[in-house]
Every structure is written in C-alpha cells, then in structure tokens.
C-alpha cells in the first residue's frame, strides 16, 4: 500500500498537470481542449510460489548414481485496471463555462490565499474597474484602479482586518458579506480601508458590504464582482504563452498583447510558459505540441503558484458524481 498509494498519487498528479498545460497550449492555437479524469484505479495482485523436490535411487549395477533435485519458482503479477471518464456535455459546461461564484473567492481569501493571486486571475471587474484581458475580442491592459484595489486588499488581508461571512435570509437564501475589523486596525490599515471605500464608492460609515455577482453595484452598500469561468481563465493564461515566431508568421496562432511594463506588471503577467524545440531539463511540467516543447520552469515560483492555483480552482467547480458519463476502462499490464 505505501508504494502504490504514493506512486499512483505522483503519476496522477503529473499527468493532470501535463493535461492542464496541454489544454492551455491548445487554446493558444485555437484547438479544442479535452479533459479526461481518472475515475478509478483497481490494482490486482497475484503472488505464486512453489518448491519442487525430487530424487531417484539407483541399484548397485547401474552406471548412474543416486540423483537428488531441488527447485523453486515464483511468479508476481501486478495488473491495475484504470477507468477514465472524459469530462463532456453538461459536466463540462458546469465545471468550465460557468463563472466561479464570488462567494468562493471570498472563501479562498478567508483561507489565506493572497488577494494579489485571486483577483488578477479570477476577477474580471470590481464595481466597474476591469482587470487585464490578454485574449479575445475584449483585449485590454486593465484599469489602474483595479490593481490599486488589489494592492490595498492584500495589505488589509495581511493585517487580518478583513473577513467574510454568509447570512441566511428567508427561503434559505444566502447573502455573502465582506466586512472590515475597525478595532484591530493600525493607521496604515485605516488609510487603506478609506481608500478602498473611495475607489469602490462605498459608504465610509459602514463596516459590512453585500457582495454580488455583476459588473456594477446598485448602491454604496454593495460590492459587485464579475468573475471568470475556468475556461476564461485558461484562455487568458494561454494568451500569455511564449510561442515560436514562425508559428505566428505561419498563421498557426495570433500574436498577443505585449508583456506589461507598468508598476502593476507583477499582477498582470500571471504565468510564463516557455517554448523551444528541445525537451527541457528543468521543468515543473512540460508538454509537446506542434513540433515544440512548452514548459514551466521549476525555478519560476510565480508561474508555478499561478498554475497550482488554477488546478485548485478545478475543485471549486467539481459537481461530484459521475453518473451517465462514458467510461473507458483499460487493463494495464
């Protein structure tokens, strides 16, 4: 069990990373992404052993002498059966095309994930201030106010002066609330909170604000967050991949926005996927596509963190249950 559990864990994790990176690269080339999850692994073991003992006695007149033979044999068979489930149809729509709920983002914030990771990756806009869009028809550099807000939220988060809670109203309807702790704030955090209120047009006398999904808030007691789906996030990350110049010249993939160079560049350039004709020797994960290798360097912590965060977001959209999915079961070995 210790051997199989850890080896299967490593193998599944590595293949999941490669599959995710391959699908991001495929989106860069306008190719169809496809995810196949490992539904189950059943290991079957067979261990056989035998010992043979034989001999013969000869008469005094025989030319050969007495004979004694001893032999052993063994057989070990490891034959795992792996079941794959392609993510298609309604499950694909739910997992990859429905925007991540703002409530889930605040849970991540509450769990300690930095605001300067969550918001640039997942959030399209906050109260009308938009983030950078690297791909699609709505390419843009992003509003400076958005990245100023991200910086202020991160500062407030580190101080422990911001939190969230879920309120249940009539008919079990839930309302997500973001609140600020006044009693533990230093002057620096007080100034950051005041600037957050001013940026978002919030009532400065209030501590709690309702969080909703949308582009614009309805009043000064509401924060409207427009979030992205997993597929939108992947498309945006795909546009930040370094691709061979000849692929752009041949029309295999379009050119993207140039890397940002302003003070918010750290938040805007979320990932760096390198490319080259030869297999990398120091890669966090690497895939081969269109005659080139694409990889994330294992020493590029920011890119690894972004990639790991993306894979963690998959769990937020997981519906659970696999009824009705087409299954492919392959006996290995």
C-alpha atoms as a PDB file:
ATOM      1  CA  UNK A   1       0.000   0.000   0.000  1.00  0.00           C
ATOM      2  CA  UNK A   2       2.645   2.658   0.821  1.00  0.00           C
ATOM      3  CA  UNK A   3       4.374   2.094  -2.508  1.00  0.00           C
ATOM      4  CA  UNK A   4       1.237   2.061  -4.663  1.00  0.00           C
ATOM      5  CA  UNK A   5      -0.521   4.909  -2.905  1.00  0.00           C
ATOM      6  CA  UNK A   6       2.333   7.362  -3.318  1.00  0.00           C
ATOM      7  CA  UNK A   7       3.363   6.214  -6.782  1.00  0.00           C
ATOM      8  CA  UNK A   8      -0.189   6.403  -8.115  1.00  0.00           C
ATOM      9  CA  UNK A   9      -0.585   9.785  -6.431  1.00  0.00           C
ATOM     10  CA  UNK A  10       2.562  11.100  -8.132  1.00  0.00           C
ATOM     11  CA  UNK A  11       1.624   9.627 -11.509  1.00  0.00           C
ATOM     12  CA  UNK A  12      -1.897  11.072 -11.435  1.00  0.00           C
ATOM     13  CA  UNK A  13      -0.664  14.496 -10.283  1.00  0.00           C
ATOM     14  CA  UNK A  14       1.988  14.658 -13.008  1.00  0.00           C
ATOM     15  CA  UNK A  15      -0.414  13.569 -15.744  1.00  0.00           C
ATOM     16  CA  UNK A  16      -3.051  16.062 -14.512  1.00  0.00           C
ATOM     17  CA  UNK A  17      -0.501  18.893 -14.683  1.00  0.00           C
ATOM     18  CA  UNK A  18       0.570  17.866 -18.171  1.00  0.00           C
ATOM     19  CA  UNK A  19      -3.036  17.573 -19.327  1.00  0.00           C
ATOM     20  CA  UNK A  20      -3.847  21.033 -17.962  1.00  0.00           C
ATOM     21  CA  UNK A  21      -0.809  22.645 -19.585  1.00  0.00           C
ATOM     22  CA  UNK A  22      -1.518  20.870 -22.880  1.00  0.00           C
ATOM     23  CA  UNK A  23      -5.082  22.191 -22.912  1.00  0.00           C
ATOM     24  CA  UNK A  24      -3.866  25.739 -22.214  1.00  0.00           C
ATOM     25  CA  UNK A  25      -1.398  25.440 -25.095  1.00  0.00           C
ATOM     26  CA  UNK A  26      -4.119  24.015 -27.365  1.00  0.00           C
ATOM     27  CA  UNK A  27      -6.342  27.010 -26.580  1.00  0.00           C
ATOM     28  CA  UNK A  28      -3.453  29.271 -27.628  1.00  0.00           C
ATOM     29  CA  UNK A  29      -3.646  27.567 -31.025  1.00  0.00           C
ATOM     30  CA  UNK A  30      -7.482  27.618 -31.192  1.00  0.00           C
ATOM     31  CA  UNK A  31      -7.576  23.861 -30.649  1.00  0.00           C
ATOM     32  CA  UNK A  32     -10.298  22.072 -28.716  1.00  0.00           C
ATOM     33  CA  UNK A  33      -9.381  21.336 -25.071  1.00  0.00           C
ATOM     34  CA  UNK A  34     -10.366  17.972 -23.641  1.00  0.00           C
ATOM     35  CA  UNK A  35     -10.089  16.763 -20.077  1.00  0.00           C
ATOM     36  CA  UNK A  36     -10.104  13.088 -19.128  1.00  0.00           C
ATOM     37  CA  UNK A  37     -10.193  12.363 -15.425  1.00  0.00           C
ATOM     38  CA  UNK A  38      -9.123   9.191 -13.680  1.00  0.00           C
ATOM     39  CA  UNK A  39     -12.378   7.797 -12.304  1.00  0.00           C
ATOM     40  CA  UNK A  40     -10.903   4.794 -10.504  1.00  0.00           C
ATOM     41  CA  UNK A  41      -7.832   2.610 -10.151  1.00  0.00           C
ATOM     42  CA  UNK A  42      -8.141  -1.033  -9.132  1.00  0.00           C
ATOM     43  CA  UNK A  43      -4.894  -2.876  -8.518  1.00  0.00           C
ATOM     44  CA  UNK A  44      -4.930  -6.663  -8.817  1.00  0.00           C
ATOM     45  CA  UNK A  45      -2.005  -8.646  -7.451  1.00  0.00           C
ATOM     46  CA  UNK A  46      -1.066 -12.288  -7.946  1.00  0.00           C
ATOM     47  CA  UNK A  47       1.749 -13.883  -5.996  1.00  0.00           C
ATOM     48  CA  UNK A  48       2.537 -17.570  -6.581  1.00  0.00           C
ATOM     49  CA  UNK A  49       5.329 -19.713  -5.251  1.00  0.00           C
ATOM     50  CA  UNK A  50       6.304 -23.369  -5.388  1.00  0.00           C
ATOM     51  CA  UNK A  51       9.049 -25.683  -4.193  1.00  0.00           C
ATOM     52  CA  UNK A  52       9.968 -28.881  -6.032  1.00  0.00           C
ATOM     53  CA  UNK A  53      11.902 -31.738  -4.512  1.00  0.00           C
ATOM     54  CA  UNK A  54      12.710 -34.944  -6.402  1.00  0.00           C
ATOM     55  CA  UNK A  55      15.213 -37.746  -6.489  1.00  0.00           C
ATOM     56  CA  UNK A  56      15.973 -41.258  -7.628  1.00  0.00           C
ATOM     57  CA  UNK A  57      17.921 -44.217  -6.204  1.00  0.00           C
ATOM     58  CA  UNK A  58      19.998 -46.433  -8.433  1.00  0.00           C
ATOM     59  CA  UNK A  59      20.940 -50.093  -7.993  1.00  0.00           C
ATOM     60  CA  UNK A  60      24.488 -51.234  -7.440  1.00  0.00           C
ATOM     61  CA  UNK A  61      24.769 -52.366 -11.058  1.00  0.00           C
ATOM     62  CA  UNK A  62      23.506 -49.093 -12.606  1.00  0.00           C
ATOM     63  CA  UNK A  63      26.001 -46.832 -14.305  1.00  0.00           C
ATOM     64  CA  UNK A  64      24.476 -43.668 -12.861  1.00  0.00           C
ATOM     65  CA  UNK A  65      24.452 -42.842  -9.201  1.00  0.00           C
ATOM     66  CA  UNK A  66      21.693 -41.608  -6.927  1.00  0.00           C
ATOM     67  CA  UNK A  67      20.042 -38.354  -8.063  1.00  0.00           C
ATOM     68  CA  UNK A  68      18.527 -35.594  -5.937  1.00  0.00           C
ATOM     69  CA  UNK A  69      16.955 -32.421  -7.391  1.00  0.00           C
ATOM     70  CA  UNK A  70      15.628 -29.336  -5.598  1.00  0.00           C
ATOM     71  CA  UNK A  71      13.948 -26.392  -7.293  1.00  0.00           C
ATOM     72  CA  UNK A  72      11.898 -23.331  -6.501  1.00  0.00           C
ATOM     73  CA  UNK A  73       9.816 -20.971  -8.635  1.00  0.00           C
ATOM     74  CA  UNK A  74       7.820 -17.811  -8.102  1.00  0.00           C
ATOM     75  CA  UNK A  75       5.529 -15.509 -10.044  1.00  0.00           C
ATOM     76  CA  UNK A  76       4.380 -11.981  -9.214  1.00  0.00           C
ATOM     77  CA  UNK A  77       1.793 -10.129 -11.321  1.00  0.00           C
ATOM     78  CA  UNK A  78       0.645  -6.514 -10.833  1.00  0.00           C
ATOM     79  CA  UNK A  79      -2.238  -5.736 -13.191  1.00  0.00           C
ATOM     80  CA  UNK A  80      -4.001  -2.436 -12.378  1.00  0.00           C
ATOM     81  CA  UNK A  81      -7.258  -1.510 -14.094  1.00  0.00           C
ATOM     82  CA  UNK A  82      -7.660   2.223 -14.719  1.00  0.00           C
ATOM     83  CA  UNK A  83     -11.017   3.799 -15.556  1.00  0.00           C
ATOM     84  CA  UNK A  84     -11.035   7.107 -17.440  1.00  0.00           C
ATOM     85  CA  UNK A  85     -14.024   9.445 -17.625  1.00  0.00           C
ATOM     86  CA  UNK A  86     -13.984  12.197 -20.276  1.00  0.00           C
ATOM     87  CA  UNK A  87     -15.437  15.462 -18.981  1.00  0.00           C
ATOM     88  CA  UNK A  88     -18.070  16.308 -21.579  1.00  0.00           C
ATOM     89  CA  UNK A  89     -21.575  17.645 -22.003  1.00  0.00           C
ATOM     90  CA  UNK A  90     -23.358  19.158 -19.030  1.00  0.00           C
ATOM     91  CA  UNK A  91     -20.484  18.438 -16.672  1.00  0.00           C
ATOM     92  CA  UNK A  92     -18.026  20.282 -18.929  1.00  0.00           C
ATOM     93  CA  UNK A  93     -20.414  23.244 -19.109  1.00  0.00           C
ATOM     94  CA  UNK A  94     -20.806  23.354 -15.340  1.00  0.00           C
ATOM     95  CA  UNK A  95     -17.145  22.814 -14.477  1.00  0.00           C
ATOM     96  CA  UNK A  96     -15.542  25.021 -17.104  1.00  0.00           C
ATOM     97  CA  UNK A  97     -18.019  27.524 -18.518  1.00  0.00           C
ATOM     98  CA  UNK A  98     -19.998  28.802 -15.517  1.00  0.00           C
ATOM     99  CA  UNK A  99     -18.298  31.741 -13.720  1.00  0.00           C
ATOM    100  CA  UNK A 100     -16.845  30.973 -10.313  1.00  0.00           C
ATOM    101  CA  UNK A 101     -19.180  32.383  -7.634  1.00  0.00           C
ATOM    102  CA  UNK A 102     -17.865  35.452  -5.758  1.00  0.00           C
ATOM    103  CA  UNK A 103     -18.618  33.584  -2.531  1.00  0.00           C
ATOM    104  CA  UNK A 104     -15.961  31.009  -3.450  1.00  0.00           C
ATOM    105  CA  UNK A 105     -13.391  33.752  -3.975  1.00  0.00           C
ATOM    106  CA  UNK A 106     -14.020  35.143  -0.526  1.00  0.00           C
ATOM    107  CA  UNK A 107     -13.688  31.658   0.972  1.00  0.00           C
ATOM    108  CA  UNK A 108     -10.274  31.465  -0.686  1.00  0.00           C
ATOM    109  CA  UNK A 109      -9.437  34.903   0.706  1.00  0.00           C
ATOM    110  CA  UNK A 110     -10.536  33.775   4.153  1.00  0.00           C
ATOM    111  CA  UNK A 111      -8.465  30.594   3.812  1.00  0.00           C
ATOM    112  CA  UNK A 112      -5.304  32.647   3.334  1.00  0.00           C
ATOM    113  CA  UNK A 113      -4.822  32.696  -0.428  1.00  0.00           C
ATOM    114  CA  UNK A 114      -3.350  36.117  -1.292  1.00  0.00           C
ATOM    115  CA  UNK A 115      -5.688  38.677  -2.831  1.00  0.00           C
ATOM    116  CA  UNK A 116      -2.997  39.543  -5.371  1.00  0.00           C
ATOM    117  CA  UNK A 117      -3.299  35.999  -6.755  1.00  0.00           C
ATOM    118  CA  UNK A 118      -7.057  35.549  -6.551  1.00  0.00           C
ATOM    119  CA  UNK A 119      -8.252  38.807  -8.062  1.00  0.00           C
ATOM    120  CA  UNK A 120      -5.938  39.139 -11.111  1.00  0.00           C
ATOM    121  CA  UNK A 121      -6.624  35.532 -12.110  1.00  0.00           C
ATOM    122  CA  UNK A 122     -10.312  35.079 -11.379  1.00  0.00           C
ATOM    123  CA  UNK A 123     -11.908  38.531 -11.280  1.00  0.00           C
ATOM    124  CA  UNK A 124     -12.996  40.337 -14.432  1.00  0.00           C
ATOM    125  CA  UNK A 125     -14.043  43.527 -12.654  1.00  0.00           C
ATOM    126  CA  UNK A 126     -14.930  45.030  -9.265  1.00  0.00           C
ATOM    127  CA  UNK A 127     -17.551  47.796  -9.263  1.00  0.00           C
ATOM    128  CA  UNK A 128     -16.733  48.500 -12.903  1.00  0.00           C
ATOM    129  CA  UNK A 129     -12.914  48.532 -12.627  1.00  0.00           C
ATOM    130  CA  UNK A 130     -11.600  45.902 -15.027  1.00  0.00           C
ATOM    131  CA  UNK A 131      -8.559  43.664 -14.903  1.00  0.00           C
ATOM    132  CA  UNK A 132      -6.196  42.939 -17.774  1.00  0.00           C
ATOM    133  CA  UNK A 133      -7.627  40.823 -20.582  1.00  0.00           C
ATOM    134  CA  UNK A 134      -4.853  39.243 -22.651  1.00  0.00           C
ATOM    135  CA  UNK A 135      -7.045  37.397 -25.170  1.00  0.00           C
ATOM    136  CA  UNK A 136     -10.307  37.607 -27.069  1.00  0.00           C
ATOM    137  CA  UNK A 137     -12.109  40.498 -28.674  1.00  0.00           C
ATOM    138  CA  UNK A 138     -12.018  42.474 -25.420  1.00  0.00           C
ATOM    139  CA  UNK A 139      -8.225  42.726 -25.101  1.00  0.00           C
ATOM    140  CA  UNK A 140      -7.229  45.448 -22.677  1.00  0.00           C
ATOM    141  CA  UNK A 141      -4.406  46.456 -20.380  1.00  0.00           C
ATOM    142  CA  UNK A 142      -6.606  46.738 -17.294  1.00  0.00           C
ATOM    143  CA  UNK A 143      -7.645  49.723 -15.220  1.00  0.00           C
ATOM    144  CA  UNK A 144      -5.029  51.154 -12.817  1.00  0.00           C
ATOM    145  CA  UNK A 145      -7.754  51.410 -10.156  1.00  0.00           C
ATOM    146  CA  UNK A 146      -8.287  47.643 -10.269  1.00  0.00           C
ATOM    147  CA  UNK A 147      -4.648  46.904  -9.473  1.00  0.00           C
ATOM    148  CA  UNK A 148      -4.530  49.618  -6.850  1.00  0.00           C
ATOM    149  CA  UNK A 149      -7.529  47.932  -5.223  1.00  0.00           C
ATOM    150  CA  UNK A 150      -5.768  44.552  -5.344  1.00  0.00           C
ATOM    151  CA  UNK A 151      -2.729  46.030  -3.617  1.00  0.00           C
ATOM    152  CA  UNK A 152      -4.861  47.621  -0.895  1.00  0.00           C
ATOM    153  CA  UNK A 153      -6.869  44.430  -0.341  1.00  0.00           C
ATOM    154  CA  UNK A 154      -3.666  42.425   0.032  1.00  0.00           C
ATOM    155  CA  UNK A 155      -2.356  44.901   2.595  1.00  0.00           C
ATOM    156  CA  UNK A 156      -5.627  44.745   4.511  1.00  0.00           C
ATOM    157  CA  UNK A 157      -5.731  40.963   4.283  1.00  0.00           C
ATOM    158  CA  UNK A 158      -2.231  40.594   5.733  1.00  0.00           C
ATOM    159  CA  UNK A 159      -3.254  42.695   8.721  1.00  0.00           C
ATOM    160  CA  UNK A 160      -6.223  40.429   9.442  1.00  0.00           C
ATOM    161  CA  UNK A 161      -8.594  43.385   9.185  1.00  0.00           C
ATOM    162  CA  UNK A 162     -10.886  41.910   6.530  1.00  0.00           C
ATOM    163  CA  UNK A 163     -13.219  38.916   6.638  1.00  0.00           C
ATOM    164  CA  UNK A 164     -16.404  37.445   5.251  1.00  0.00           C
ATOM    165  CA  UNK A 165     -19.498  35.629   6.386  1.00  0.00           C
ATOM    166  CA  UNK A 166     -22.642  34.073   4.933  1.00  0.00           C
ATOM    167  CA  UNK A 167     -26.045  35.315   6.059  1.00  0.00           C
ATOM    168  CA  UNK A 168     -29.155  33.197   5.544  1.00  0.00           C
ATOM    169  CA  UNK A 169     -32.362  35.069   4.886  1.00  0.00           C
ATOM    170  CA  UNK A 170     -35.867  33.971   4.021  1.00  0.00           C
ATOM    171  CA  UNK A 171     -36.348  30.801   1.977  1.00  0.00           C
ATOM    172  CA  UNK A 172     -32.768  29.787   2.870  1.00  0.00           C
ATOM    173  CA  UNK A 173     -31.429  32.463   0.544  1.00  0.00           C
ATOM    174  CA  UNK A 174     -27.776  33.209   1.263  1.00  0.00           C
ATOM    175  CA  UNK A 175     -26.081  36.599   1.204  1.00  0.00           C
ATOM    176  CA  UNK A 176     -22.309  36.961   1.182  1.00  0.00           C
ATOM    177  CA  UNK A 177     -20.960  39.816   3.296  1.00  0.00           C
ATOM    178  CA  UNK A 178     -17.462  41.313   3.310  1.00  0.00           C
ATOM    179  CA  UNK A 179     -16.573  43.175   6.497  1.00  0.00           C
ATOM    180  CA  UNK A 180     -13.677  45.159   7.972  1.00  0.00           C
ATOM    181  CA  UNK A 181     -12.448  44.991  11.593  1.00  0.00           C
ATOM    182  CA  UNK A 182     -12.022  48.501  12.925  1.00  0.00           C
ATOM    183  CA  UNK A 183     -10.821  47.544  16.372  1.00  0.00           C
ATOM    184  CA  UNK A 184      -7.574  45.924  15.201  1.00  0.00           C
ATOM    185  CA  UNK A 185      -6.591  48.427  12.524  1.00  0.00           C
ATOM    186  CA  UNK A 186      -3.411  50.469  12.555  1.00  0.00           C
ATOM    187  CA  UNK A 187      -3.414  53.902  10.989  1.00  0.00           C
ATOM    188  CA  UNK A 188      -1.902  52.453   7.836  1.00  0.00           C
ATOM    189  CA  UNK A 189      -4.749  49.958   7.521  1.00  0.00           C
ATOM    190  CA  UNK A 190      -7.305  52.665   8.334  1.00  0.00           C
ATOM    191  CA  UNK A 191      -5.936  54.713   5.435  1.00  0.00           C
ATOM    192  CA  UNK A 192      -6.045  51.644   3.155  1.00  0.00           C
ATOM    193  CA  UNK A 193      -9.650  50.943   4.109  1.00  0.00           C
ATOM    194  CA  UNK A 194     -10.642  54.561   3.484  1.00  0.00           C
ATOM    195  CA  UNK A 195      -9.024  54.414   0.044  1.00  0.00           C
ATOM    196  CA  UNK A 196     -10.850  51.151  -0.721  1.00  0.00           C
ATOM    197  CA  UNK A 197     -14.143  52.840   0.180  1.00  0.00           C
ATOM    198  CA  UNK A 198     -13.321  55.788  -2.058  1.00  0.00           C
ATOM    199  CA  UNK A 199     -12.258  53.632  -5.007  1.00  0.00           C
ATOM    200  CA  UNK A 200     -15.381  51.477  -4.878  1.00  0.00           C
ATOM    201  CA  UNK A 201     -17.780  54.276  -3.979  1.00  0.00           C
ATOM    202  CA  UNK A 202     -18.749  52.663  -0.667  1.00  0.00           C
ATOM    203  CA  UNK A 203     -20.387  54.259   2.344  1.00  0.00           C
ATOM    204  CA  UNK A 204     -17.454  55.162   4.661  1.00  0.00           C
ATOM    205  CA  UNK A 205     -19.600  54.753   7.769  1.00  0.00           C
ATOM    206  CA  UNK A 206     -20.337  51.076   7.088  1.00  0.00           C
ATOM    207  CA  UNK A 207     -18.273  48.070   8.059  1.00  0.00           C
ATOM    208  CA  UNK A 208     -20.200  45.401   6.162  1.00  0.00           C
ATOM    209  CA  UNK A 209     -20.935  45.227   2.433  1.00  0.00           C
ATOM    210  CA  UNK A 210     -23.036  42.813   0.442  1.00  0.00           C
ATOM    211  CA  UNK A 211     -21.110  41.002  -2.309  1.00  0.00           C
ATOM    212  CA  UNK A 212     -22.965  40.198  -5.534  1.00  0.00           C
ATOM    213  CA  UNK A 213     -22.132  38.896  -8.988  1.00  0.00           C
ATOM    214  CA  UNK A 214     -22.225  41.649 -11.590  1.00  0.00           C
ATOM    215  CA  UNK A 215     -20.459  44.490 -13.347  1.00  0.00           C
ATOM    216  CA  UNK A 216     -21.779  47.477 -11.380  1.00  0.00           C
ATOM    217  CA  UNK A 217     -23.088  47.855  -7.841  1.00  0.00           C
ATOM    218  CA  UNK A 218     -26.600  49.104  -7.141  1.00  0.00           C
ATOM    219  CA  UNK A 219     -25.734  51.290  -4.146  1.00  0.00           C
ATOM    220  CA  UNK A 220     -22.917  52.281  -1.781  1.00  0.00           C
ATOM    221  CA  UNK A 221     -23.514  49.240   0.396  1.00  0.00           C
ATOM    222  CA  UNK A 222     -22.753  46.687  -2.302  1.00  0.00           C
ATOM    223  CA  UNK A 223     -19.620  45.316  -3.983  1.00  0.00           C
ATOM    224  CA  UNK A 224     -20.245  43.894  -7.457  1.00  0.00           C
ATOM    225  CA  UNK A 225     -17.685  41.316  -8.578  1.00  0.00           C
ATOM    226  CA  UNK A 226     -17.707  39.967 -12.120  1.00  0.00           C
ATOM    227  CA  UNK A 227     -15.838  36.664 -12.123  1.00  0.00           C
ATOM    228  CA  UNK A 228     -14.424  34.446 -14.847  1.00  0.00           C
ATOM    229  CA  UNK A 229     -15.083  30.819 -15.617  1.00  0.00           C
ATOM    230  CA  UNK A 230     -12.324  28.215 -15.645  1.00  0.00           C
ATOM    231  CA  UNK A 231     -12.355  28.291 -19.454  1.00  0.00           C
ATOM    232  CA  UNK A 232     -11.987  32.089 -19.483  1.00  0.00           C
ATOM    233  CA  UNK A 233      -9.047  31.840 -17.097  1.00  0.00           C
ATOM    234  CA  UNK A 234      -7.387  29.221 -19.278  1.00  0.00           C
ATOM    235  CA  UNK A 235      -7.893  31.310 -22.418  1.00  0.00           C
ATOM    236  CA  UNK A 236      -6.389  34.336 -20.686  1.00  0.00           C
ATOM    237  CA  UNK A 237      -3.385  32.331 -19.478  1.00  0.00           C
ATOM    238  CA  UNK A 238      -2.996  30.807 -22.940  1.00  0.00           C
ATOM    239  CA  UNK A 239      -2.576  34.272 -24.444  1.00  0.00           C
ATOM    240  CA  UNK A 240       0.441  34.838 -22.185  1.00  0.00           C
ATOM    241  CA  UNK A 241       2.359  31.841 -23.573  1.00  0.00           C
ATOM    242  CA  UNK A 242       5.586  32.473 -25.463  1.00  0.00           C
ATOM    243  CA  UNK A 243       5.081  30.903 -28.908  1.00  0.00           C
ATOM    244  CA  UNK A 244       7.614  30.417 -31.721  1.00  0.00           C
ATOM    245  CA  UNK A 245       7.773  33.387 -34.076  1.00  0.00           C
ATOM    246  CA  UNK A 246       7.402  31.072 -37.065  1.00  0.00           C
ATOM    247  CA  UNK A 247       4.071  29.813 -35.723  1.00  0.00           C
ATOM    248  CA  UNK A 248       2.760  33.387 -35.663  1.00  0.00           C
ATOM    249  CA  UNK A 249       4.180  34.042 -39.140  1.00  0.00           C
ATOM    250  CA  UNK A 250       2.558  30.853 -40.481  1.00  0.00           C
ATOM    251  CA  UNK A 251      -0.813  31.800 -39.019  1.00  0.00           C
ATOM    252  CA  UNK A 252      -0.948  28.895 -36.543  1.00  0.00           C
ATOM    253  CA  UNK A 253      -1.609  31.281 -33.657  1.00  0.00           C
ATOM    254  CA  UNK A 254      -2.068  35.058 -33.348  1.00  0.00           C
ATOM    255  CA  UNK A 255       0.225  37.425 -31.539  1.00  0.00           C
ATOM    256  CA  UNK A 256      -0.865  38.557 -28.081  1.00  0.00           C
ATOM    257  CA  UNK A 257      -0.621  41.708 -26.036  1.00  0.00           C
ATOM    258  CA  UNK A 258       2.988  42.621 -25.210  1.00  0.00           C
ATOM    259  CA  UNK A 259       4.071  41.913 -21.628  1.00  0.00           C
ATOM    260  CA  UNK A 260       3.062  44.726 -19.247  1.00  0.00           C
ATOM    261  CA  UNK A 261       5.805  47.075 -18.100  1.00  0.00           C
ATOM    262  CA  UNK A 262       3.975  49.354 -15.660  1.00  0.00           C
ATOM    263  CA  UNK A 263       4.062  49.163 -11.857  1.00  0.00           C
ATOM    264  CA  UNK A 264       1.298  46.543 -11.851  1.00  0.00           C
ATOM    265  CA  UNK A 265       3.192  44.215 -14.225  1.00  0.00           C
ATOM    266  CA  UNK A 266       3.703  41.711 -11.396  1.00  0.00           C
ATOM    267  CA  UNK A 267      -0.068  41.280 -11.108  1.00  0.00           C
ATOM    268  CA  UNK A 268      -0.788  41.350 -14.834  1.00  0.00           C
ATOM    269  CA  UNK A 269       1.722  38.820 -16.159  1.00  0.00           C
ATOM    270  CA  UNK A 270       0.347  35.802 -14.343  1.00  0.00           C
ATOM    271  CA  UNK A 271       2.317  32.975 -15.894  1.00  0.00           C
ATOM    272  CA  UNK A 272       5.309  32.372 -18.133  1.00  0.00           C
ATOM    273  CA  UNK A 273       5.193  29.271 -20.326  1.00  0.00           C
ATOM    274  CA  UNK A 274       8.419  28.881 -22.258  1.00  0.00           C
ATOM    275  CA  UNK A 275       8.872  27.098 -25.584  1.00  0.00           C
ATOM    276  CA  UNK A 276      11.683  25.517 -27.543  1.00  0.00           C
ATOM    277  CA  UNK A 277      12.468  22.674 -29.958  1.00  0.00           C
ATOM    278  CA  UNK A 278      14.266  20.569 -27.324  1.00  0.00           C
ATOM    279  CA  UNK A 279      12.868  18.872 -24.245  1.00  0.00           C
ATOM    280  CA  UNK A 280      13.623  20.978 -21.145  1.00  0.00           C
ATOM    281  CA  UNK A 281      15.871  19.570 -18.439  1.00  0.00           C
ATOM    282  CA  UNK A 282      14.466  21.624 -15.547  1.00  0.00           C
ATOM    283  CA  UNK A 283      10.699  21.732 -15.881  1.00  0.00           C
ATOM    284  CA  UNK A 284       7.870  21.824 -13.365  1.00  0.00           C
ATOM    285  CA  UNK A 285       5.701  20.349 -16.136  1.00  0.00           C
ATOM    286  CA  UNK A 286       6.220  20.081 -19.897  1.00  0.00           C
ATOM    287  CA  UNK A 287       4.235  19.010 -22.982  1.00  0.00           C
ATOM    288  CA  UNK A 288       5.000  18.534 -26.674  1.00  0.00           C
ATOM    289  CA  UNK A 289       2.751  20.226 -29.244  1.00  0.00           C
ATOM    290  CA  UNK A 290       3.108  21.347 -32.882  1.00  0.00           C
ATOM    291  CA  UNK A 291       6.751  20.265 -33.036  1.00  0.00           C
ATOM    292  CA  UNK A 292       7.809  22.275 -29.965  1.00  0.00           C
ATOM    293  CA  UNK A 293       8.082  21.762 -26.225  1.00  0.00           C
ATOM    294  CA  UNK A 294       6.150  24.031 -23.876  1.00  0.00           C
ATOM    295  CA  UNK A 295       7.040  24.126 -20.206  1.00  0.00           C
ATOM    296  CA  UNK A 296       7.004  25.966 -16.888  1.00  0.00           C
ATOM    297  CA  UNK A 297      10.422  26.247 -15.308  1.00  0.00           C
ATOM    298  CA  UNK A 298      10.600  24.671 -11.851  1.00  0.00           C
ATOM    299  CA  UNK A 299      12.514  27.745 -10.598  1.00  0.00           C
ATOM    300  CA  UNK A 300       9.734  30.118 -11.680  1.00  0.00           C
ATOM    301  CA  UNK A 301       7.803  30.213  -8.418  1.00  0.00           C
ATOM    302  CA  UNK A 302       5.230  32.795  -9.550  1.00  0.00           C
ATOM    303  CA  UNK A 303       4.227  30.742 -12.596  1.00  0.00           C
ATOM    304  CA  UNK A 304       4.115  27.537 -10.549  1.00  0.00           C
ATOM    305  CA  UNK A 305       1.911  29.219  -7.967  1.00  0.00           C
ATOM    306  CA  UNK A 306      -0.470  30.502 -10.643  1.00  0.00           C
ATOM    307  CA  UNK A 307      -0.646  27.053 -12.241  1.00  0.00           C
ATOM    308  CA  UNK A 308      -1.240  25.329  -8.899  1.00  0.00           C
ATOM    309  CA  UNK A 309      -3.955  27.849  -8.055  1.00  0.00           C
ATOM    310  CA  UNK A 310      -5.675  27.151 -11.389  1.00  0.00           C
ATOM    311  CA  UNK A 311      -5.697  23.436 -10.673  1.00  0.00           C
ATOM    312  CA  UNK A 312      -7.093  24.082  -7.205  1.00  0.00           C
ATOM    313  CA  UNK A 313      -9.908  26.097  -8.799  1.00  0.00           C
ATOM    314  CA  UNK A 314     -10.995  22.919 -10.575  1.00  0.00           C
ATOM    315  CA  UNK A 315     -12.119  21.550  -7.214  1.00  0.00           C
ATOM    316  CA  UNK A 316     -14.371  24.583  -6.675  1.00  0.00           C
ATOM    317  CA  UNK A 317     -16.311  23.743  -9.823  1.00  0.00           C
ATOM    318  CA  UNK A 318     -16.405  19.975  -9.310  1.00  0.00           C
ATOM    319  CA  UNK A 319     -20.016  18.784  -9.384  1.00  0.00           C
ATOM    320  CA  UNK A 320     -19.400  15.375  -7.866  1.00  0.00           C
ATOM    321  CA  UNK A 321     -20.877  12.146  -9.131  1.00  0.00           C
ATOM    322  CA  UNK A 322     -20.128  10.527 -12.450  1.00  0.00           C
ATOM    323  CA  UNK A 323     -23.467   9.032 -13.389  1.00  0.00           C
ATOM    324  CA  UNK A 324     -24.121   8.829 -17.090  1.00  0.00           C
ATOM    325  CA  UNK A 325     -20.573   9.619 -18.171  1.00  0.00           C
ATOM    326  CA  UNK A 326     -18.975   7.469 -20.878  1.00  0.00           C
ATOM    327  CA  UNK A 327     -16.256   5.379 -19.279  1.00  0.00           C
ATOM    328  CA  UNK A 328     -13.146   3.877 -20.837  1.00  0.00           C
ATOM    329  CA  UNK A 329     -11.616   1.075 -18.774  1.00  0.00           C
ATOM    330  CA  UNK A 330      -8.127  -0.087 -19.757  1.00  0.00           C
ATOM    331  CA  UNK A 331      -6.414  -3.094 -18.152  1.00  0.00           C
ATOM    332  CA  UNK A 332      -2.778  -2.079 -17.835  1.00  0.00           C
ATOM    333  CA  UNK A 333      -0.035  -4.678 -17.947  1.00  0.00           C
END
